[in-house]
């Protein structure tokens, strides 16, 4: 391995120290670093712009930041077909496999093939309005339908494979991947799923009926959400980005995407060890 993509949290304060470390590794370990076009102004010149290079295949993408930065790096990974290795600069870093202190060792492990590649499911989200597709995109964590600032409930009808499941008044609904099951969905009372399985979690936000609870659907299912009222602002957001205002009658279709995103796994830590360490599962 010698061709590494770099994706960086532009809001991180101490950029210079990390750029100096990368330059040192670039010079001493015969590595080549590449950046996406969208980060051309964020990263220094010794990190080349991949768009200007020919016949370069990335071996891995180092994502410097927290979980939010990894979500933003999704398109870079899918376009280059390179697996992601998260280098945590944030607080929780649940999706990150390494840290800044471990960076040099992580590179050595990669070059010695001491790693595994873990494929994770993505959601494909389609927004239809008046029988026309007006938006389609992918999500690694979740798609969230939620009310705006107005203190009013929204009315959402949920279906699976065009068959009615339930209609509920609530603050919103989350559709999450197994990776996203430890994010917003968890806060809404949703179950924790192993990130390497394929399934879709649907978790209502503050439903105004006691019998409506989070559900787990097969990844083969087509989950539909129909907006039944829109007398105030209702929004759709994917992975905390790409926010769209919804109208009455809008239909959001959520399915498992045909493609997956790959993550590098370096350590022998299990998913459940990470849950205990980072989310304090079982702590008394």
Foldseek 3Di string as FASTA:
>chain_A
DAEEEEFEDLPDDPVVVVLVVVVVCVVPVVHAYEYDPVCPVSHDVSRHHVVPDPPDQHQEYEYEEAPLSVFVCQVVCVVRVHAYAYAYPDDQRLVHQHHPVCVVVVVVCVVVVQWDKAWFWKKWKFKDDPNHTPDIDIARFKKKKFFDPDPAWWWKWKDKQPHGDDIWTARIKIKTFLVNCPPVVVVLVGDHDFRRDGWIKIATHGTPDPPDGIDIGGLAIKMKMAGQAPPHWMWMDGSNDDIDTDHHGMMMIMHTDPGTHMHIHNDPDDSVNSCCVRVVPPPD
